[in-house]
Amino acid sequence: MPADVQEYTDCYNVIHNQLLAEIPGGHHSAGGSSSSGGGSSFPTALLAGLIVLVVIGAGAGAYAMTRRSGPPSAP
């Protein structure tokens, strides 16, 4: 697992605890995690912002293509 994932999430502890729970006679350490809950909203906001930018870019591109082609020519 990359160092930044281990530092900012608690994925390592969740996976480790689940693996220990699967081992017969293993000790599952229940308890709170050391990470704060505030970090989970940043990726969602970033994803929403990127989606908005893509939609705006696609709309601007479509508008530019219609302006560039001009009116249809008569046969």
PDB file of N, CA and C in Angstrom:
ATOM      1  N   MET A   1       0.853  -1.168   0.000  1.00  0.00           N
ATOM      2  CA  MET A   1       0.000   0.000   0.000  1.00  0.00           C
ATOM      3  C   MET A   1       0.906   1.240   0.000  1.00  0.00           C
ATOM      4  N   PRO A   2       0.623   2.236  -0.852  1.00  0.00           N
ATOM      5  CA  PRO A   2       1.459   3.436  -0.875  1.00  0.00           C
ATOM      6  C   PRO A   2       1.455   4.161   0.466  1.00  0.00           C
ATOM      7  N   ALA A   3       2.533   4.889   0.728  1.00  0.00           N
ATOM      8  CA  ALA A   3       2.687   5.572   2.012  1.00  0.00           C
ATOM      9  C   ALA A   3       1.601   6.606   2.250  1.00  0.00           C
ATOM     10  N   ASP A   4       1.189   7.340   1.195  1.00  0.00           N
ATOM     11  CA  ASP A   4       0.159   8.364   1.403  1.00  0.00           C
ATOM     12  C   ASP A   4      -1.189   7.747   1.739  1.00  0.00           C
ATOM     13  N   VAL A   5      -1.476   6.575   1.174  1.00  0.00           N
ATOM     14  CA  VAL A   5      -2.731   5.889   1.509  1.00  0.00           C
ATOM     15  C   VAL A   5      -2.699   5.441   2.961  1.00  0.00           C
ATOM     16  N   GLN A   6      -1.554   4.916   3.400  1.00  0.00           N
ATOM     17  CA  GLN A   6      -1.438   4.487   4.794  1.00  0.00           C
ATOM     18  C   GLN A   6      -1.521   5.672   5.745  1.00  0.00           C
ATOM     19  N   GLU A   7      -0.998   6.822   5.313  1.00  0.00           N
ATOM     20  CA  GLU A   7      -0.974   7.986   6.200  1.00  0.00           C
ATOM     21  C   GLU A   7      -2.348   8.644   6.336  1.00  0.00           C
ATOM     22  N   TYR A   8      -3.090   8.755   5.247  1.00  0.00           N
ATOM     23  CA  TYR A   8      -4.323   9.540   5.270  1.00  0.00           C
ATOM     24  C   TYR A   8      -5.605   8.722   5.353  1.00  0.00           C
ATOM     25  N   THR A   9      -5.512   7.421   5.265  1.00  0.00           N
ATOM     26  CA  THR A   9      -6.712   6.590   5.406  1.00  0.00           C
ATOM     27  C   THR A   9      -6.454   5.523   6.457  1.00  0.00           C
ATOM     28  N   ASP A  10      -7.466   4.806   6.759  1.00  0.00           N
ATOM     29  CA  ASP A  10      -7.302   3.737   7.726  1.00  0.00           C
ATOM     30  C   ASP A  10      -7.541   2.386   7.037  1.00  0.00           C
ATOM     31  N   CYS A  11      -7.330   2.345   5.708  1.00  0.00           N
ATOM     32  CA  CYS A  11      -7.517   1.121   4.931  1.00  0.00           C
ATOM     33  C   CYS A  11      -6.630  -0.013   5.428  1.00  0.00           C
ATOM     34  N   TYR A  12      -5.385   0.304   5.740  1.00  0.00           N
ATOM     35  CA  TYR A  12      -4.461  -0.734   6.194  1.00  0.00           C
ATOM     36  C   TYR A  12      -4.999  -1.411   7.451  1.00  0.00           C
ATOM     37  N   ASN A  13      -5.462  -0.624   8.416  1.00  0.00           N
ATOM     38  CA  ASN A  13      -5.989  -1.202   9.662  1.00  0.00           C
ATOM     39  C   ASN A  13      -7.248  -2.015   9.414  1.00  0.00           C
ATOM     40  N   VAL A  14      -8.112  -1.542   8.536  1.00  0.00           N
ATOM     41  CA  VAL A  14      -9.353  -2.267   8.244  1.00  0.00           C
ATOM     42  C   VAL A  14      -9.032  -3.614   7.608  1.00  0.00           C
ATOM     43  N   ILE A  15      -8.133  -3.612   6.617  1.00  0.00           N
ATOM     44  CA  ILE A  15      -7.763  -4.863   5.953  1.00  0.00           C
ATOM     45  C   ILE A  15      -7.054  -5.797   6.929  1.00  0.00           C
ATOM     46  N   HIS A  16      -6.145  -5.248   7.711  1.00  0.00           N
ATOM     47  CA  HIS A  16      -5.411  -6.051   8.690  1.00  0.00           C
ATOM     48  C   HIS A  16      -6.366  -6.686   9.703  1.00  0.00           C
ATOM     49  N   ASN A  17      -7.290  -5.918  10.224  1.00  0.00           N
ATOM     50  CA  ASN A  17      -8.247  -6.445  11.203  1.00  0.00           C
ATOM     51  C   ASN A  17      -9.144  -7.517  10.596  1.00  0.00           C
ATOM     52  N   GLN A  18      -9.547  -7.321   9.334  1.00  0.00           N
ATOM     53  CA  GLN A  18     -10.389  -8.323   8.683  1.00  0.00           C
ATOM     54  C   GLN A  18      -9.619  -9.615   8.457  1.00  0.00           C
ATOM     55  N   LEU A  19      -8.352  -9.496   8.059  1.00  0.00           N
ATOM     56  CA  LEU A  19      -7.538 -10.699   7.884  1.00  0.00           C
ATOM     57  C   LEU A  19      -7.352 -11.432   9.201  1.00  0.00           C
ATOM     58  N   LEU A  20      -7.132 -10.696  10.280  1.00  0.00           N
ATOM     59  CA  LEU A  20      -7.007 -11.337  11.594  1.00  0.00           C
ATOM     60  C   LEU A  20      -8.303 -12.011  12.006  1.00  0.00           C
ATOM     61  N   ALA A  21      -9.426 -11.417  11.647  1.00  0.00           N
ATOM     62  CA  ALA A  21     -10.723 -12.006  12.001  1.00  0.00           C
ATOM     63  C   ALA A  21     -10.955 -13.312  11.236  1.00  0.00           C
ATOM     64  N   GLU A  22     -10.371 -13.437  10.040  1.00  0.00           N
ATOM     65  CA  GLU A  22     -10.551 -14.641   9.233  1.00  0.00           C
ATOM     66  C   GLU A  22      -9.712 -15.808   9.749  1.00  0.00           C
ATOM     67  N   ILE A  23      -8.645 -15.524  10.467  1.00  0.00           N
ATOM     68  CA  ILE A  23      -7.772 -16.575  10.991  1.00  0.00           C
ATOM     69  C   ILE A  23      -8.425 -17.190  12.227  1.00  0.00           C
ATOM     70  N   PRO A  24      -8.576 -18.517  12.253  1.00  0.00           N
ATOM     71  CA  PRO A  24      -9.140 -19.138  13.450  1.00  0.00           C
ATOM     72  C   PRO A  24      -8.258 -18.846  14.666  1.00  0.00           C
ATOM     73  N   GLY A  25      -8.862 -18.354  15.715  1.00  0.00           N
ATOM     74  CA  GLY A  25      -8.126 -18.016  16.918  1.00  0.00           C
ATOM     75  C   GLY A  25      -7.407 -16.678  16.835  1.00  0.00           C
ATOM     76  N   GLY A  26      -7.604 -15.949  15.723  1.00  0.00           N
ATOM     77  CA  GLY A  26      -6.961 -14.646  15.570  1.00  0.00           C
ATOM     78  C   GLY A  26      -7.632 -13.612  16.454  1.00  0.00           C
ATOM     79  N   HIS A  27      -6.896 -12.597  16.786  1.00  0.00           N
ATOM     80  CA  HIS A  27      -7.422 -11.546  17.648  1.00  0.00           C
ATOM     81  C   HIS A  27      -7.847 -10.371  16.790  1.00  0.00           C
ATOM     82  N   HIS A  28      -9.103 -10.037  16.869  1.00  0.00           N
ATOM     83  CA  HIS A  28      -9.640  -8.897  16.125  1.00  0.00           C
ATOM     84  C   HIS A  28      -9.678  -7.707  17.061  1.00  0.00           C
ATOM     85  N   SER A  29      -8.924  -6.680  16.753  1.00  0.00           N
ATOM     86  CA  SER A  29      -8.889  -5.510  17.629  1.00  0.00           C
ATOM     87  C   SER A  29      -9.989  -4.549  17.238  1.00  0.00           C
ATOM     88  N   ALA A  30     -11.026  -4.504  18.020  1.00  0.00           N
ATOM     89  CA  ALA A  30     -12.106  -3.551  17.781  1.00  0.00           C
ATOM     90  C   ALA A  30     -11.734  -2.235  18.428  1.00  0.00           C
ATOM     91  N   GLY A  31     -12.224  -1.186  17.875  1.00  0.00           N
ATOM     92  CA  GLY A  31     -11.931   0.112  18.469  1.00  0.00           C
ATOM     93  C   GLY A  31     -11.949   1.186  17.417  1.00  0.00           C
ATOM     94  N   GLY A  32     -11.719   2.394  17.866  1.00  0.00           N
ATOM     95  CA  GLY A  32     -11.762   3.539  16.979  1.00  0.00           C
ATOM     96  C   GLY A  32     -10.519   3.632  16.137  1.00  0.00           C
ATOM     97  N   SER A  33     -10.645   4.370  15.089  1.00  0.00           N
ATOM     98  CA  SER A  33      -9.502   4.575  14.228  1.00  0.00           C
ATOM     99  C   SER A  33      -8.848   5.904  14.554  1.00  0.00           C
ATOM    100  N   SER A  34      -7.612   6.062  14.105  1.00  0.00           N
ATOM    101  CA  SER A  34      -6.894   7.293  14.403  1.00  0.00           C
ATOM    102  C   SER A  34      -7.122   8.362  13.357  1.00  0.00           C
ATOM    103  N   SER A  35      -7.816   8.025  12.277  1.00  0.00           N
ATOM    104  CA  SER A  35      -8.027   9.022  11.227  1.00  0.00           C
ATOM    105  C   SER A  35      -9.289   9.824  11.498  1.00  0.00           C
ATOM    106  N   SER A  36      -9.275  11.044  11.005  1.00  0.00           N
ATOM    107  CA  SER A  36     -10.451  11.900  11.174  1.00  0.00           C
ATOM    108  C   SER A  36     -11.400  11.691  10.010  1.00  0.00           C
ATOM    109  N   GLY A  37     -12.655  11.980  10.196  1.00  0.00           N
ATOM    110  CA  GLY A  37     -13.656  11.788   9.153  1.00  0.00           C
ATOM    111  C   GLY A  37     -13.693  12.894   8.131  1.00  0.00           C
ATOM    112  N   GLY A  38     -12.966  13.989   8.335  1.00  0.00           N
ATOM    113  CA  GLY A  38     -13.034  15.124   7.426  1.00  0.00           C
ATOM    114  C   GLY A  38     -12.395  14.870   6.080  1.00  0.00           C
ATOM    115  N   GLY A  39     -11.483  13.920   5.977  1.00  0.00           N
ATOM    116  CA  GLY A  39     -10.778  13.693   4.727  1.00  0.00           C
ATOM    117  C   GLY A  39     -11.629  13.066   3.652  1.00  0.00           C
ATOM    118  N   SER A  40     -12.723  12.454   3.994  1.00  0.00           N
ATOM    119  CA  SER A  40     -13.521  11.750   3.000  1.00  0.00           C
ATOM    120  C   SER A  40     -14.325  12.681   2.111  1.00  0.00           C
ATOM    121  N   SER A  41     -14.586  13.903   2.533  1.00  0.00           N
ATOM    122  CA  SER A  41     -15.392  14.800   1.711  1.00  0.00           C
ATOM    123  C   SER A  41     -14.571  15.476   0.625  1.00  0.00           C
ATOM    124  N   PHE A  42     -13.251  15.565   0.761  1.00  0.00           N
ATOM    125  CA  PHE A  42     -12.421  16.227  -0.243  1.00  0.00           C
ATOM    126  C   PHE A  42     -12.457  15.509  -1.585  1.00  0.00           C
ATOM    127  N   PRO A  43     -12.272  14.185  -1.630  1.00  0.00           N
ATOM    128  CA  PRO A  43     -12.337  13.536  -2.942  1.00  0.00           C
ATOM    129  C   PRO A  43     -13.702  13.668  -3.603  1.00  0.00           C
ATOM    130  N   THR A  44     -14.770  13.668  -2.837  1.00  0.00           N
ATOM    131  CA  THR A  44     -16.101  13.823  -3.412  1.00  0.00           C
ATOM    132  C   THR A  44     -16.256  15.211  -4.019  1.00  0.00           C
ATOM    133  N   ALA A  45     -15.803  16.231  -3.313  1.00  0.00           N
ATOM    134  CA  ALA A  45     -15.890  17.593  -3.835  1.00  0.00           C
ATOM    135  C   ALA A  45     -15.001  17.754  -5.064  1.00  0.00           C
ATOM    136  N   LEU A  46     -13.834  17.156  -5.038  1.00  0.00           N
ATOM    137  CA  LEU A  46     -12.931  17.231  -6.176  1.00  0.00           C
ATOM    138  C   LEU A  46     -13.541  16.533  -7.382  1.00  0.00           C
ATOM    139  N   LEU A  47     -14.124  15.383  -7.177  1.00  0.00           N
ATOM    140  CA  LEU A  47     -14.767  14.649  -8.256  1.00  0.00           C
ATOM    141  C   LEU A  47     -15.932  15.444  -8.838  1.00  0.00           C
ATOM    142  N   ALA A  48     -16.741  16.039  -7.983  1.00  0.00           N
ATOM    143  CA  ALA A  48     -17.867  16.847  -8.462  1.00  0.00           C
ATOM    144  C   ALA A  48     -17.364  18.042  -9.273  1.00  0.00           C
ATOM    145  N   GLY A  49     -16.303  18.678  -8.822  1.00  0.00           N
ATOM    146  CA  GLY A  49     -15.736  19.806  -9.555  1.00  0.00           C
ATOM    147  C   GLY A  49     -15.207  19.388 -10.913  1.00  0.00           C
ATOM    148  N   LEU A  50     -14.540  18.243 -10.967  1.00  0.00           N
ATOM    149  CA  LEU A  50     -14.034  17.751 -12.247  1.00  0.00           C
ATOM    150  C   LEU A  50     -15.173  17.419 -13.205  1.00  0.00           C
ATOM    151  N   ILE A  51     -16.238  16.845 -12.697  1.00  0.00           N
ATOM    152  CA  ILE A  51     -17.387  16.525 -13.548  1.00  0.00           C
ATOM    153  C   ILE A  51     -17.991  17.799 -14.121  1.00  0.00           C
ATOM    154  N   VAL A  52     -18.117  18.822 -13.288  1.00  0.00           N
ATOM    155  CA  VAL A  52     -18.658  20.106 -13.760  1.00  0.00           C
ATOM    156  C   VAL A  52     -17.756  20.679 -14.849  1.00  0.00           C
ATOM    157  N   LEU A  53     -16.446  20.635 -14.654  1.00  0.00           N
ATOM    158  CA  LEU A  53     -15.524  21.154 -15.665  1.00  0.00           C
ATOM    159  C   LEU A  53     -15.620  20.385 -16.978  1.00  0.00           C
ATOM    160  N   VAL A  54     -15.763  19.079 -16.899  1.00  0.00           N
ATOM    161  CA  VAL A  54     -15.884  18.267 -18.111  1.00  0.00           C
ATOM    162  C   VAL A  54     -17.174  18.604 -18.851  1.00  0.00           C
ATOM    163  N   VAL A  55     -18.267  18.758 -18.125  1.00  0.00           N
ATOM    164  CA  VAL A  55     -19.541  19.089 -18.761  1.00  0.00           C
ATOM    165  C   VAL A  55     -19.461  20.467 -19.420  1.00  0.00           C
ATOM    166  N   ILE A  56     -18.884  21.441 -18.726  1.00  0.00           N
ATOM    167  CA  ILE A  56     -18.738  22.782 -19.300  1.00  0.00           C
ATOM    168  C   ILE A  56     -17.838  22.734 -20.530  1.00  0.00           C
ATOM    169  N   GLY A  57     -16.732  21.986 -20.445  1.00  0.00           N
ATOM    170  CA  GLY A  57     -15.825  21.862 -21.581  1.00  0.00           C
ATOM    171  C   GLY A  57     -16.489  21.195 -22.777  1.00  0.00           C
ATOM    172  N   ALA A  58     -17.272  20.169 -22.522  1.00  0.00           N
ATOM    173  CA  ALA A  58     -17.975  19.493 -23.614  1.00  0.00           C
ATOM    174  C   ALA A  58     -19.000  20.421 -24.258  1.00  0.00           C
ATOM    175  N   GLY A  59     -19.696  21.171 -23.436  1.00  0.00           N
ATOM    176  CA  GLY A  59     -20.667  22.128 -23.982  1.00  0.00           C
ATOM    177  C   GLY A  59     -19.994  23.217 -24.796  1.00  0.00           C
ATOM    178  N   ALA A  60     -18.885  23.733 -24.303  1.00  0.00           N
ATOM    179  CA  ALA A  60     -18.157  24.767 -25.042  1.00  0.00           C
ATOM    180  C   ALA A  60     -17.607  24.211 -26.347  1.00  0.00           C
ATOM    181  N   GLY A  61     -17.123  22.967 -26.307  1.00  0.00           N
ATOM    182  CA  GLY A  61     -16.615  22.344 -27.529  1.00  0.00           C
ATOM    183  C   GLY A  61     -17.715  22.127 -28.559  1.00  0.00           C
ATOM    184  N   ALA A  62     -18.863  21.685 -28.105  1.00  0.00           N
ATOM    185  CA  ALA A  62     -19.987  21.472 -29.018  1.00  0.00           C
ATOM    186  C   ALA A  62     -20.446  22.798 -29.617  1.00  0.00           C
ATOM    187  N   TYR A  63     -20.491  23.839 -28.805  1.00  0.00           N
ATOM    188  CA  TYR A  63     -20.882  25.164 -29.297  1.00  0.00           C
ATOM    189  C   TYR A  63     -19.871  25.671 -30.327  1.00  0.00           C
ATOM    190  N   ALA A  64     -18.589  25.482 -30.053  1.00  0.00           N
ATOM    191  CA  ALA A  64     -17.549  25.932 -30.983  1.00  0.00           C
ATOM    192  C   ALA A  64     -17.634  25.172 -32.299  1.00  0.00           C
ATOM    193  N   MET A  65     -17.938  23.893 -32.246  1.00  0.00           N
ATOM    194  CA  MET A  65     -18.050  23.109 -33.485  1.00  0.00           C
ATOM    195  C   MET A  65     -19.231  23.559 -34.325  1.00  0.00           C
ATOM    196  N   THR A  66     -20.346  23.909 -33.674  1.00  0.00           N
ATOM    197  CA  THR A  66     -21.502  24.366 -34.449  1.00  0.00           C
ATOM    198  C   THR A  66     -21.239  25.746 -35.046  1.00  0.00           C
ATOM    199  N   ARG A  67     -20.512  26.597 -34.337  1.00  0.00           N
ATOM    200  CA  ARG A  67     -20.186  27.927 -34.855  1.00  0.00           C
ATOM    201  C   ARG A  67     -19.181  27.823 -36.012  1.00  0.00           C
ATOM    202  N   ARG A  68     -18.275  26.862 -35.929  1.00  0.00           N
ATOM    203  CA  ARG A  68     -17.236  26.721 -36.928  1.00  0.00           C
ATOM    204  C   ARG A  68     -17.795  26.186 -38.234  1.00  0.00           C
ATOM    205  N   SER A  69     -18.749  25.277 -38.159  1.00  0.00           N
ATOM    206  CA  SER A  69     -19.277  24.670 -39.388  1.00  0.00           C
ATOM    207  C   SER A  69     -20.140  25.649 -40.176  1.00  0.00           C
ATOM    208  N   GLY A  70     -20.713  26.613 -39.506  1.00  0.00           N
ATOM    209  CA  GLY A  70     -21.517  27.630 -40.208  1.00  0.00           C
ATOM    210  C   GLY A  70     -22.846  27.069 -40.670  1.00  0.00           C
ATOM    211  N   PRO A  71     -23.588  27.883 -41.392  1.00  0.00           N
ATOM    212  CA  PRO A  71     -24.906  27.422 -41.870  1.00  0.00           C
ATOM    213  C   PRO A  71     -24.710  26.390 -42.992  1.00  0.00           C
ATOM    214  N   PRO A  72     -25.675  25.495 -43.118  1.00  0.00           N
ATOM    215  CA  PRO A  72     -25.567  24.487 -44.186  1.00  0.00           C
ATOM    216  C   PRO A  72     -25.615  25.148 -45.560  1.00  0.00           C
ATOM    217  N   SER A  73     -24.809  24.631 -46.466  1.00  0.00           N
ATOM    218  CA  SER A  73     -24.788  25.208 -47.810  1.00  0.00           C
ATOM    219  C   SER A  73     -25.889  24.581 -48.650  1.00  0.00           C
ATOM    220  N   ALA A  74     -26.395  25.388 -49.587  1.00  0.00           N
ATOM    221  CA  ALA A  74     -27.468  24.909 -50.463  1.00  0.00           C
ATOM    222  C   ALA A  74     -26.873  24.082 -51.589  1.00  0.00           C
ATOM    223  N   PRO A  75     -27.535  23.005 -52.009  1.00  0.00           N
ATOM    224  CA  PRO A  75     -27.002  22.150 -53.092  1.00  0.00           C
ATOM    225  C   PRO A  75     -27.131  22.774 -54.455  1.00  0.00           C
TER     226      PRO A  75
END
